[in-house]
Amino acid sequence: MRFLFATLALLPLVSAVAAAPKGDPVKGKALAEKVCIACHGVDGNSVAAVNPVIAGQHADYLYKQLGDFKSGKRKNPVMLGITAPLSDADMADAAAWFSSQQPKERGASDKALIEAGRKIFRNGIAAKGLPACMSCHSPNGAGIPAQYPRLAGQHAAYITAQLSAFRSGERANQPVMMPIAEKMTDKEIKAVAEFIQALR
């Protein structure tokens, strides 16, 4: 019950996410083959752990992130350069394509951390006022469109980097995540990241 209250207390920090315009996945695939393939693969299942898996991600979330990169609200020099020439229609098309793709299953790279990560993901840490990750990202890591992204099967290295960026304030385009990440140690972040990578 304590975690429910902790989660509800964070709800005012969630900014409304506008629904993405209806994109054309065929055009999105053509764009992915030209622009996105090097880092994310044509189907969104990136091979390099520093690049996020975007296959199966919610279209509204993808569209918002592309817009945040383009506007500079989310800082990333590579993505700023890639999104600069994209129109709203291009971003909607890419979001439609990648959201329609099937993410690949991944196991944990450090199985010793799985149990600790599972506890935090499912229960949070009451003593620190840390809510359970599943409160927003759902028990299976599927997320809740449009507000909360799909996490299941995401590269542990990417999750670690993003939670660390939220904690430091380097990433500030999802305000609800900053006070959560601030409560987490490096070890807790790594454990949660490993559990998320193994989620299906």
N, C-alpha and C. Protein backbone atom coordinates (compact mmCIF):
# COMPACT_ATOMS: atom_id res chain seq x y z
N MET A 1 0.82 -1.21 0.00
CA MET A 1 0.00 0.00 0.00
C MET A 1 0.86 1.26 0.00
N ARG A 2 1.99 1.17 0.73
CA ARG A 2 2.89 2.31 0.79
C ARG A 2 3.40 2.67 -0.60
N PHE A 3 3.64 1.64 -1.45
CA PHE A 3 4.16 1.90 -2.79
C PHE A 3 3.10 2.55 -3.67
N LEU A 4 1.84 2.19 -3.43
CA LEU A 4 0.76 2.81 -4.19
C LEU A 4 0.72 4.30 -3.91
N PHE A 5 0.83 4.66 -2.64
CA PHE A 5 0.82 6.09 -2.28
C PHE A 5 2.04 6.81 -2.85
N ALA A 6 3.19 6.13 -2.82
CA ALA A 6 4.41 6.74 -3.36
C ALA A 6 4.25 7.00 -4.85
N THR A 7 3.63 6.05 -5.54
CA THR A 7 3.42 6.20 -6.99
C THR A 7 2.41 7.30 -7.26
N LEU A 8 1.33 7.32 -6.50
CA LEU A 8 0.31 8.35 -6.71
C LEU A 8 0.88 9.74 -6.46
N ALA A 9 1.81 9.84 -5.51
CA ALA A 9 2.42 11.13 -5.22
C ALA A 9 3.24 11.65 -6.39
N LEU A 10 3.71 10.74 -7.22
CA LEU A 10 4.52 11.14 -8.37
C LEU A 10 3.69 11.51 -9.58
N LEU A 11 2.42 11.16 -9.61
CA LEU A 11 1.59 11.39 -10.79
C LEU A 11 1.54 12.84 -11.24
N PRO A 12 1.51 13.84 -10.35
CA PRO A 12 1.50 15.22 -10.83
C PRO A 12 2.75 15.59 -11.63
N LEU A 13 3.83 14.83 -11.47
CA LEU A 13 5.06 15.12 -12.20
C LEU A 13 5.01 14.62 -13.63
N VAL A 14 4.03 13.78 -13.96
CA VAL A 14 3.95 13.21 -15.30
C VAL A 14 3.33 14.23 -16.24
N SER A 15 4.07 14.58 -17.28
CA SER A 15 3.52 15.52 -18.25
C SER A 15 2.70 14.76 -19.28
N ALA A 16 1.65 15.38 -19.75
CA ALA A 16 0.79 14.74 -20.72
C ALA A 16 1.56 14.48 -22.01
N VAL A 17 1.37 13.31 -22.57
CA VAL A 17 2.01 12.96 -23.83
C VAL A 17 0.94 12.95 -24.91
N ALA A 18 1.12 13.79 -25.90
CA ALA A 18 0.16 13.85 -26.99
C ALA A 18 0.28 12.60 -27.83
N ALA A 19 -0.84 12.14 -28.34
CA ALA A 19 -0.83 10.98 -29.23
C ALA A 19 -0.09 11.34 -30.51
N ALA A 20 0.70 10.40 -30.99
CA ALA A 20 1.44 10.62 -32.23
C ALA A 20 0.45 10.67 -33.40
N PRO A 21 0.74 11.50 -34.40
CA PRO A 21 -0.08 11.45 -35.61
C PRO A 21 0.00 10.04 -36.20
N LYS A 22 -1.02 9.63 -36.88
CA LYS A 22 -1.00 8.28 -37.46
C LYS A 22 0.08 8.20 -38.52
N GLY A 23 1.04 7.33 -38.29
CA GLY A 23 2.15 7.19 -39.23
C GLY A 23 1.94 6.04 -40.19
N ASP A 24 2.73 6.04 -41.24
CA ASP A 24 2.70 4.99 -42.26
C ASP A 24 3.91 4.09 -42.05
N PRO A 25 3.70 2.85 -41.58
CA PRO A 25 4.84 1.97 -41.31
C PRO A 25 5.66 1.62 -42.54
N VAL A 26 5.06 1.63 -43.72
CA VAL A 26 5.81 1.35 -44.95
C VAL A 26 6.83 2.46 -45.19
N LYS A 27 6.39 3.69 -45.06
CA LYS A 27 7.31 4.83 -45.18
C LYS A 27 8.33 4.80 -44.03
N GLY A 28 7.88 4.40 -42.87
CA GLY A 28 8.77 4.30 -41.72
C GLY A 28 9.87 3.28 -41.94
N LYS A 29 9.55 2.16 -42.58
CA LYS A 29 10.56 1.15 -42.87
C LYS A 29 11.60 1.71 -43.84
N ALA A 30 11.15 2.43 -44.85
CA ALA A 30 12.08 3.03 -45.83
C ALA A 30 13.01 4.02 -45.13
N LEU A 31 12.47 4.78 -44.20
CA LEU A 31 13.28 5.74 -43.44
C LEU A 31 14.28 4.99 -42.55
N ALA A 32 13.81 3.92 -41.91
CA ALA A 32 14.68 3.12 -41.04
C ALA A 32 15.85 2.54 -41.82
N GLU A 33 15.59 2.11 -43.05
CA GLU A 33 16.64 1.51 -43.88
C GLU A 33 17.69 2.55 -44.29
N LYS A 34 17.31 3.81 -44.32
CA LYS A 34 18.25 4.87 -44.72
C LYS A 34 18.93 5.53 -43.52
N VAL A 35 18.16 5.74 -42.45
CA VAL A 35 18.62 6.61 -41.35
C VAL A 35 18.92 5.86 -40.05
N CYS A 36 18.11 4.88 -39.71
CA CYS A 36 18.16 4.30 -38.37
C CYS A 36 18.95 2.99 -38.26
N ILE A 37 19.18 2.36 -39.40
CA ILE A 37 19.71 0.99 -39.43
C ILE A 37 21.05 0.83 -38.74
N ALA A 38 21.94 1.81 -38.87
CA ALA A 38 23.30 1.67 -38.34
C ALA A 38 23.31 1.49 -36.83
N CYS A 39 22.43 2.17 -36.12
CA CYS A 39 22.43 2.10 -34.65
C CYS A 39 21.36 1.17 -34.08
N HIS A 40 20.19 1.14 -34.73
CA HIS A 40 19.06 0.40 -34.16
C HIS A 40 18.68 -0.85 -34.94
N GLY A 41 19.31 -1.05 -36.11
CA GLY A 41 18.89 -2.15 -36.96
C GLY A 41 17.60 -1.76 -37.67
N VAL A 42 17.33 -2.37 -38.78
CA VAL A 42 16.13 -1.99 -39.54
C VAL A 42 14.84 -2.33 -38.80
N ASP A 43 14.90 -3.34 -37.90
CA ASP A 43 13.70 -3.74 -37.16
C ASP A 43 13.67 -3.20 -35.74
N GLY A 44 14.66 -2.37 -35.38
CA GLY A 44 14.68 -1.78 -34.04
C GLY A 44 15.32 -2.62 -32.97
N ASN A 45 15.86 -3.80 -33.35
CA ASN A 45 16.55 -4.65 -32.38
C ASN A 45 18.05 -4.37 -32.46
N SER A 46 18.48 -3.34 -31.77
CA SER A 46 19.88 -2.94 -31.85
C SER A 46 20.78 -4.03 -31.29
N VAL A 47 21.95 -4.15 -31.90
CA VAL A 47 22.93 -5.13 -31.47
C VAL A 47 23.83 -4.53 -30.39
N ALA A 48 24.21 -3.28 -30.56
CA ALA A 48 25.07 -2.61 -29.59
C ALA A 48 24.27 -2.21 -28.36
N ALA A 49 24.76 -2.59 -27.18
CA ALA A 49 24.03 -2.37 -25.94
C ALA A 49 23.88 -0.91 -25.56
N VAL A 50 24.68 -0.02 -26.15
CA VAL A 50 24.55 1.40 -25.85
C VAL A 50 23.38 2.04 -26.61
N ASN A 51 22.89 1.35 -27.63
CA ASN A 51 21.76 1.86 -28.42
C ASN A 51 20.49 1.12 -28.01
N PRO A 52 19.43 1.85 -27.73
CA PRO A 52 18.22 1.17 -27.22
C PRO A 52 17.53 0.30 -28.26
N VAL A 53 16.91 -0.74 -27.74
CA VAL A 53 15.99 -1.55 -28.54
C VAL A 53 14.71 -0.73 -28.66
N ILE A 54 14.28 -0.45 -29.89
CA ILE A 54 13.05 0.32 -30.08
C ILE A 54 11.97 -0.50 -30.77
N ALA A 55 12.27 -1.76 -31.08
CA ALA A 55 11.25 -2.66 -31.63
C ALA A 55 10.17 -2.87 -30.59
N GLY A 56 8.92 -2.71 -30.97
CA GLY A 56 7.80 -2.94 -30.07
C GLY A 56 7.54 -1.81 -29.08
N GLN A 57 8.33 -0.74 -29.17
CA GLN A 57 8.10 0.40 -28.28
C GLN A 57 6.83 1.14 -28.70
N HIS A 58 6.14 1.74 -27.76
CA HIS A 58 4.89 2.45 -28.06
C HIS A 58 5.14 3.59 -29.04
N ALA A 59 4.30 3.70 -30.05
CA ALA A 59 4.48 4.72 -31.09
C ALA A 59 4.44 6.13 -30.50
N ASP A 60 3.54 6.38 -29.57
CA ASP A 60 3.44 7.71 -28.97
C ASP A 60 4.73 8.08 -28.24
N TYR A 61 5.30 7.09 -27.54
CA TYR A 61 6.53 7.34 -26.80
C TYR A 61 7.69 7.60 -27.76
N LEU A 62 7.79 6.78 -28.81
CA LEU A 62 8.86 6.99 -29.80
C LEU A 62 8.75 8.36 -30.45
N TYR A 63 7.54 8.72 -30.82
CA TYR A 63 7.31 10.02 -31.47
C TYR A 63 7.73 11.17 -30.54
N LYS A 64 7.37 11.06 -29.27
CA LYS A 64 7.74 12.10 -28.30
C LYS A 64 9.26 12.19 -28.15
N GLN A 65 9.93 11.04 -28.05
CA GLN A 65 11.38 11.06 -27.87
C GLN A 65 12.07 11.66 -29.08
N LEU A 66 11.61 11.32 -30.28
CA LEU A 66 12.19 11.91 -31.49
C LEU A 66 12.02 13.43 -31.47
N GLY A 67 10.83 13.87 -31.08
CA GLY A 67 10.58 15.31 -30.98
C GLY A 67 11.45 15.98 -29.93
N ASP A 68 11.67 15.27 -28.80
CA ASP A 68 12.52 15.82 -27.74
C ASP A 68 13.98 15.91 -28.19
N PHE A 69 14.44 14.93 -28.94
CA PHE A 69 15.80 15.00 -29.49
C PHE A 69 15.91 16.18 -30.46
N LYS A 70 14.91 16.32 -31.32
CA LYS A 70 14.94 17.38 -32.33
C LYS A 70 14.93 18.77 -31.69
N SER A 71 14.16 18.93 -30.65
CA SER A 71 14.06 20.24 -29.98
C SER A 71 15.22 20.52 -29.03
N GLY A 72 15.99 19.48 -28.70
CA GLY A 72 17.07 19.62 -27.74
C GLY A 72 16.62 19.41 -26.31
N LYS A 73 15.34 19.12 -26.11
CA LYS A 73 14.84 18.86 -24.75
C LYS A 73 15.51 17.61 -24.17
N ARG A 74 15.77 16.64 -25.02
CA ARG A 74 16.54 15.47 -24.64
C ARG A 74 17.89 15.58 -25.34
N LYS A 75 18.95 15.63 -24.56
CA LYS A 75 20.29 15.91 -25.09
C LYS A 75 20.96 14.66 -25.64
N ASN A 76 21.32 14.71 -26.91
CA ASN A 76 22.11 13.65 -27.54
C ASN A 76 22.57 14.20 -28.88
N PRO A 77 23.86 14.52 -29.02
CA PRO A 77 24.34 15.14 -30.25
C PRO A 77 24.08 14.31 -31.51
N VAL A 78 24.21 12.98 -31.38
CA VAL A 78 23.98 12.12 -32.54
C VAL A 78 22.52 12.19 -32.96
N MET A 79 21.61 12.03 -31.99
CA MET A 79 20.18 12.04 -32.31
C MET A 79 19.70 13.43 -32.72
N LEU A 80 20.33 14.47 -32.21
CA LEU A 80 19.98 15.83 -32.64
C LEU A 80 20.24 15.98 -34.13
N GLY A 81 21.41 15.50 -34.58
CA GLY A 81 21.75 15.58 -35.99
C GLY A 81 20.84 14.73 -36.86
N ILE A 82 20.44 13.57 -36.36
CA ILE A 82 19.58 12.67 -37.14
C ILE A 82 18.16 13.22 -37.23
N THR A 83 17.65 13.77 -36.15
CA THR A 83 16.26 14.23 -36.14
C THR A 83 16.07 15.62 -36.74
N ALA A 84 17.14 16.41 -36.82
CA ALA A 84 17.03 17.79 -37.32
C ALA A 84 16.28 17.89 -38.65
N PRO A 85 16.58 17.03 -39.64
CA PRO A 85 15.88 17.16 -40.93
C PRO A 85 14.53 16.45 -41.01
N LEU A 86 14.14 15.75 -39.93
CA LEU A 86 12.91 14.97 -39.98
C LEU A 86 11.68 15.85 -39.78
N SER A 87 10.65 15.59 -40.58
CA SER A 87 9.37 16.27 -40.40
C SER A 87 8.56 15.52 -39.34
N ASP A 88 7.46 16.12 -38.90
CA ASP A 88 6.57 15.42 -37.98
C ASP A 88 6.07 14.12 -38.60
N ALA A 89 5.78 14.16 -39.90
CA ALA A 89 5.30 12.96 -40.59
C ALA A 89 6.38 11.88 -40.60
N ASP A 90 7.63 12.27 -40.83
CA ASP A 90 8.73 11.31 -40.80
C ASP A 90 8.81 10.63 -39.43
N MET A 91 8.72 11.43 -38.37
CA MET A 91 8.82 10.87 -37.02
C MET A 91 7.64 9.95 -36.71
N ALA A 92 6.46 10.32 -37.18
CA ALA A 92 5.28 9.47 -36.98
C ALA A 92 5.43 8.17 -37.76
N ASP A 93 5.97 8.26 -38.98
CA ASP A 93 6.17 7.06 -39.79
C ASP A 93 7.17 6.11 -39.14
N ALA A 94 8.29 6.67 -38.67
CA ALA A 94 9.30 5.85 -38.00
C ALA A 94 8.72 5.19 -36.75
N ALA A 95 7.96 5.97 -35.97
CA ALA A 95 7.34 5.43 -34.76
C ALA A 95 6.37 4.31 -35.09
N ALA A 96 5.61 4.47 -36.17
CA ALA A 96 4.65 3.44 -36.58
C ALA A 96 5.39 2.16 -36.99
N TRP A 97 6.50 2.31 -37.70
CA TRP A 97 7.26 1.14 -38.14
C TRP A 97 7.86 0.39 -36.96
N PHE A 98 8.61 1.09 -36.13
CA PHE A 98 9.31 0.41 -35.04
C PHE A 98 8.35 -0.16 -34.01
N SER A 99 7.23 0.51 -33.77
CA SER A 99 6.26 -0.02 -32.79
C SER A 99 5.62 -1.31 -33.29
N SER A 100 5.62 -1.53 -34.59
CA SER A 100 5.01 -2.74 -35.16
C SER A 100 5.97 -3.93 -35.20
N GLN A 101 7.22 -3.72 -34.82
CA GLN A 101 8.22 -4.78 -34.88
C GLN A 101 8.27 -5.59 -33.60
N GLN A 102 8.78 -6.81 -33.72
CA GLN A 102 8.84 -7.73 -32.58
C GLN A 102 10.20 -7.64 -31.88
N PRO A 103 10.22 -7.26 -30.60
CA PRO A 103 11.51 -7.23 -29.89
C PRO A 103 12.02 -8.65 -29.64
N LYS A 104 13.34 -8.81 -29.69
CA LYS A 104 13.94 -10.12 -29.44
C LYS A 104 14.15 -10.32 -27.95
N GLU A 105 14.08 -11.57 -27.54
CA GLU A 105 14.31 -11.90 -26.13
C GLU A 105 15.80 -11.85 -25.83
N ARG A 106 16.13 -11.41 -24.62
CA ARG A 106 17.52 -11.38 -24.17
C ARG A 106 17.56 -11.92 -22.75
N GLY A 107 18.63 -12.57 -22.42
CA GLY A 107 18.84 -13.01 -21.04
C GLY A 107 19.66 -11.96 -20.32
N ALA A 108 19.82 -12.14 -19.04
CA ALA A 108 20.66 -11.22 -18.28
C ALA A 108 22.13 -11.53 -18.55
N SER A 109 22.95 -10.49 -18.54
CA SER A 109 24.38 -10.72 -18.71
C SER A 109 25.03 -11.02 -17.37
N ASP A 110 24.38 -10.61 -16.28
CA ASP A 110 24.90 -10.89 -14.93
C ASP A 110 23.76 -11.48 -14.10
N LYS A 111 23.65 -12.80 -14.15
CA LYS A 111 22.53 -13.48 -13.50
C LYS A 111 22.54 -13.35 -11.98
N ALA A 112 23.69 -13.04 -11.42
CA ALA A 112 23.79 -12.89 -9.95
C ALA A 112 22.96 -11.71 -9.46
N LEU A 113 22.68 -10.76 -10.33
CA LEU A 113 21.94 -9.56 -9.92
C LEU A 113 20.43 -9.66 -10.16
N ILE A 114 20.01 -10.71 -10.83
CA ILE A 114 18.60 -10.83 -11.22
C ILE A 114 17.64 -10.75 -10.03
N GLU A 115 17.92 -11.49 -8.98
CA GLU A 115 16.99 -11.54 -7.85
C GLU A 115 16.85 -10.18 -7.17
N ALA A 116 17.97 -9.50 -6.97
CA ALA A 116 17.91 -8.17 -6.36
C ALA A 116 17.14 -7.21 -7.26
N GLY A 117 17.36 -7.30 -8.57
CA GLY A 117 16.64 -6.45 -9.51
C GLY A 117 15.16 -6.75 -9.54
N ARG A 118 14.82 -8.03 -9.46
CA ARG A 118 13.40 -8.43 -9.45
C ARG A 118 12.69 -7.82 -8.25
N LYS A 119 13.32 -7.86 -7.08
CA LYS A 119 12.69 -7.32 -5.87
C LYS A 119 12.41 -5.83 -6.01
N ILE A 120 13.37 -5.10 -6.55
CA ILE A 120 13.19 -3.66 -6.71
C ILE A 120 12.12 -3.38 -7.76
N PHE A 121 12.18 -4.09 -8.89
CA PHE A 121 11.22 -3.87 -9.96
C PHE A 121 9.79 -4.16 -9.50
N ARG A 122 9.63 -5.25 -8.74
CA ARG A 122 8.28 -5.67 -8.32
C ARG A 122 7.80 -5.00 -7.04
N ASN A 123 8.72 -4.70 -6.12
CA ASN A 123 8.31 -4.21 -4.80
C ASN A 123 8.82 -2.83 -4.43
N GLY A 124 9.83 -2.33 -5.13
CA GLY A 124 10.46 -1.09 -4.72
C GLY A 124 11.29 -1.31 -3.47
N ILE A 125 11.65 -0.23 -2.80
CA ILE A 125 12.39 -0.32 -1.53
C ILE A 125 11.69 0.61 -0.54
N ALA A 126 10.90 0.03 0.34
CA ALA A 126 10.07 0.81 1.26
C ALA A 126 10.88 1.77 2.10
N ALA A 127 12.02 1.33 2.60
CA ALA A 127 12.82 2.15 3.50
C ALA A 127 13.33 3.43 2.84
N LYS A 128 13.43 3.42 1.51
CA LYS A 128 13.93 4.59 0.78
C LYS A 128 12.81 5.36 0.09
N GLY A 129 11.57 4.86 0.22
CA GLY A 129 10.46 5.50 -0.48
C GLY A 129 10.56 5.32 -1.98
N LEU A 130 11.20 4.23 -2.41
CA LEU A 130 11.38 3.95 -3.83
C LEU A 130 10.22 3.09 -4.33
N PRO A 131 9.39 3.60 -5.24
CA PRO A 131 8.26 2.81 -5.72
C PRO A 131 8.70 1.68 -6.62
N ALA A 132 7.86 0.68 -6.74
CA ALA A 132 8.14 -0.44 -7.65
C ALA A 132 8.11 0.04 -9.09
N CYS A 133 9.06 -0.41 -9.88
CA CYS A 133 9.12 -0.03 -11.30
C CYS A 133 7.84 -0.47 -12.03
N MET A 134 7.31 -1.64 -11.60
CA MET A 134 6.14 -2.17 -12.30
C MET A 134 4.89 -1.31 -12.11
N SER A 135 4.93 -0.39 -11.13
CA SER A 135 3.77 0.49 -10.92
C SER A 135 3.46 1.28 -12.18
N CYS A 136 4.49 1.66 -12.92
CA CYS A 136 4.30 2.44 -14.15
C CYS A 136 4.63 1.64 -15.40
N HIS A 137 5.57 0.71 -15.29
CA HIS A 137 6.03 -0.01 -16.48
C HIS A 137 5.39 -1.38 -16.60
N SER A 138 4.46 -1.71 -15.71
CA SER A 138 3.70 -2.96 -15.66
C SER A 138 4.57 -4.14 -15.25
N PRO A 139 3.94 -5.19 -14.68
CA PRO A 139 4.71 -6.33 -14.15
C PRO A 139 5.60 -7.02 -15.18
N ASN A 140 5.15 -7.05 -16.43
CA ASN A 140 5.95 -7.72 -17.47
C ASN A 140 6.83 -6.75 -18.26
N GLY A 141 6.90 -5.49 -17.82
CA GLY A 141 7.75 -4.52 -18.49
C GLY A 141 7.20 -3.99 -19.79
N ALA A 142 5.91 -4.22 -20.06
CA ALA A 142 5.31 -3.78 -21.32
C ALA A 142 5.02 -2.29 -21.34
N GLY A 143 5.05 -1.64 -20.17
CA GLY A 143 4.76 -0.22 -20.11
C GLY A 143 3.29 0.09 -20.28
N ILE A 144 2.99 1.36 -20.27
CA ILE A 144 1.61 1.82 -20.46
C ILE A 144 1.64 2.91 -21.52
N PRO A 145 1.10 2.63 -22.70
CA PRO A 145 1.10 3.68 -23.74
C PRO A 145 0.35 4.90 -23.24
N ALA A 146 0.67 5.97 -23.60
CA ALA A 146 1.71 6.74 -24.15
C ALA A 146 2.66 7.25 -23.07
N GLN A 147 2.31 7.09 -21.81
CA GLN A 147 3.09 7.70 -20.74
C GLN A 147 4.37 6.95 -20.41
N TYR A 148 4.30 5.62 -20.33
CA TYR A 148 5.42 4.87 -19.79
C TYR A 148 5.93 3.86 -20.82
N PRO A 149 7.22 3.91 -21.13
CA PRO A 149 7.76 3.06 -22.20
C PRO A 149 7.83 1.59 -21.84
N ARG A 150 7.84 0.79 -22.88
CA ARG A 150 8.14 -0.64 -22.75
C ARG A 150 9.60 -0.76 -22.33
N LEU A 151 9.88 -1.61 -21.34
CA LEU A 151 11.25 -1.84 -20.88
C LEU A 151 11.73 -3.26 -21.12
N ALA A 152 10.82 -4.22 -21.17
CA ALA A 152 11.21 -5.63 -21.24
C ALA A 152 12.18 -5.90 -22.38
N GLY A 153 13.29 -6.56 -22.04
CA GLY A 153 14.28 -6.95 -23.04
C GLY A 153 15.23 -5.84 -23.44
N GLN A 154 15.11 -4.67 -22.80
CA GLN A 154 16.01 -3.56 -23.14
C GLN A 154 17.43 -3.88 -22.66
N HIS A 155 18.43 -3.43 -23.39
CA HIS A 155 19.82 -3.66 -22.99
C HIS A 155 20.08 -3.10 -21.60
N ALA A 156 20.71 -3.92 -20.75
CA ALA A 156 21.02 -3.49 -19.39
C ALA A 156 21.93 -2.26 -19.39
N ALA A 157 22.88 -2.21 -20.31
CA ALA A 157 23.80 -1.07 -20.36
C ALA A 157 23.05 0.22 -20.68
N TYR A 158 22.05 0.14 -21.53
CA TYR A 158 21.26 1.32 -21.88
C TYR A 158 20.41 1.78 -20.69
N ILE A 159 19.75 0.83 -20.03
CA ILE A 159 18.94 1.16 -18.84
C ILE A 159 19.81 1.79 -17.77
N THR A 160 20.98 1.21 -17.55
CA THR A 160 21.91 1.76 -16.55
C THR A 160 22.28 3.20 -16.89
N ALA A 161 22.59 3.44 -18.15
CA ALA A 161 22.97 4.79 -18.58
C ALA A 161 21.83 5.78 -18.40
N GLN A 162 20.60 5.36 -18.73
CA GLN A 162 19.47 6.28 -18.64
C GLN A 162 19.10 6.57 -17.19
N LEU A 163 19.09 5.55 -16.33
CA LEU A 163 18.80 5.79 -14.91
C LEU A 163 19.86 6.69 -14.28
N SER A 164 21.11 6.48 -14.67
CA SER A 164 22.19 7.34 -14.16
C SER A 164 22.02 8.77 -14.65
N ALA A 165 21.59 8.93 -15.90
CA ALA A 165 21.37 10.28 -16.45
C ALA A 165 20.18 10.96 -15.77
N PHE A 166 19.13 10.22 -15.47
CA PHE A 166 18.00 10.79 -14.72
C PHE A 166 18.47 11.22 -13.33
N ARG A 167 19.27 10.37 -12.69
CA ARG A 167 19.74 10.64 -11.33
C ARG A 167 20.59 11.91 -11.28
N SER A 168 21.45 12.10 -12.27
CA SER A 168 22.34 13.26 -12.28
C SER A 168 21.66 14.53 -12.80
N GLY A 169 20.48 14.36 -13.44
CA GLY A 169 19.81 15.50 -14.04
C GLY A 169 20.23 15.75 -15.47
N GLU A 170 21.15 14.94 -15.97
CA GLU A 170 21.60 15.07 -17.37
C GLU A 170 20.44 14.82 -18.33
N ARG A 171 19.56 13.88 -17.96
CA ARG A 171 18.34 13.66 -18.74
C ARG A 171 17.16 14.16 -17.92
N ALA A 172 16.42 15.09 -18.49
CA ALA A 172 15.34 15.72 -17.72
C ALA A 172 14.03 15.78 -18.50
N ASN A 173 13.92 15.01 -19.59
CA ASN A 173 12.70 15.11 -20.39
C ASN A 173 11.58 14.19 -19.92
N GLN A 174 11.82 13.42 -18.87
CA GLN A 174 10.78 12.59 -18.24
C GLN A 174 10.84 12.89 -16.74
N PRO A 175 10.25 14.02 -16.31
CA PRO A 175 10.43 14.49 -14.92
C PRO A 175 10.08 13.47 -13.85
N VAL A 176 9.15 12.56 -14.13
CA VAL A 176 8.75 11.59 -13.11
C VAL A 176 9.91 10.67 -12.73
N MET A 177 10.86 10.47 -13.65
CA MET A 177 11.94 9.53 -13.38
C MET A 177 13.06 10.12 -12.51
N MET A 178 13.20 11.40 -12.49
CA MET A 178 14.33 12.00 -11.78
C MET A 178 14.31 11.74 -10.27
N PRO A 179 13.19 12.01 -9.56
CA PRO A 179 13.20 11.73 -8.12
C PRO A 179 13.27 10.25 -7.80
N ILE A 180 12.87 9.40 -8.73
CA ILE A 180 12.98 7.95 -8.51
C ILE A 180 14.45 7.54 -8.61
N ALA A 181 15.10 7.93 -9.69
CA ALA A 181 16.50 7.55 -9.90
C ALA A 181 17.42 8.11 -8.83
N GLU A 182 17.06 9.28 -8.30
CA GLU A 182 17.88 9.90 -7.24
C GLU A 182 17.97 9.02 -6.00
N LYS A 183 16.99 8.16 -5.80
CA LYS A 183 16.96 7.30 -4.62
C LYS A 183 17.78 6.02 -4.82
N MET A 184 18.29 5.79 -6.02
CA MET A 184 18.93 4.51 -6.35
C MET A 184 20.46 4.61 -6.33
N THR A 185 21.08 3.57 -5.77
CA THR A 185 22.53 3.46 -5.80
C THR A 185 22.96 2.86 -7.14
N ASP A 186 24.25 2.93 -7.43
CA ASP A 186 24.76 2.30 -8.66
C ASP A 186 24.43 0.82 -8.70
N LYS A 187 24.58 0.15 -7.56
CA LYS A 187 24.32 -1.29 -7.49
C LYS A 187 22.84 -1.59 -7.75
N GLU A 188 21.95 -0.79 -7.19
CA GLU A 188 20.52 -1.00 -7.41
C GLU A 188 20.15 -0.74 -8.86
N ILE A 189 20.73 0.28 -9.45
CA ILE A 189 20.47 0.56 -10.86
C ILE A 189 20.91 -0.61 -11.72
N LYS A 190 22.09 -1.13 -11.47
CA LYS A 190 22.60 -2.25 -12.27
C LYS A 190 21.73 -3.49 -12.10
N ALA A 191 21.28 -3.75 -10.88
CA ALA A 191 20.44 -4.92 -10.62
C ALA A 191 19.11 -4.81 -11.37
N VAL A 192 18.47 -3.65 -11.29
CA VAL A 192 17.20 -3.44 -12.01
C VAL A 192 17.42 -3.57 -13.51
N ALA A 193 18.53 -3.02 -14.01
CA ALA A 193 18.82 -3.08 -15.44
C ALA A 193 18.98 -4.52 -15.91
N GLU A 194 19.65 -5.35 -15.12
CA GLU A 194 19.83 -6.75 -15.50
C GLU A 194 18.50 -7.49 -15.50
N PHE A 195 17.65 -7.19 -14.50
CA PHE A 195 16.35 -7.84 -14.47
C PHE A 195 15.51 -7.44 -15.68
N ILE A 196 15.54 -6.16 -16.03
CA ILE A 196 14.77 -5.67 -17.18
C ILE A 196 15.25 -6.33 -18.47
N GLN A 197 16.56 -6.48 -18.63
CA GLN A 197 17.07 -7.11 -19.85
C GLN A 197 16.55 -8.54 -19.99
N ALA A 198 16.37 -9.21 -18.87
CA ALA A 198 15.91 -10.61 -18.90
C ALA A 198 14.39 -10.74 -18.98
N LEU A 199 13.67 -9.65 -18.78
CA LEU A 199 12.19 -9.70 -18.81
C LEU A 199 11.69 -10.05 -20.21
N ARG A 200 10.60 -10.83 -20.27
CA ARG A 200 9.97 -11.11 -21.57
C ARG A 200 8.51 -10.79 -21.50
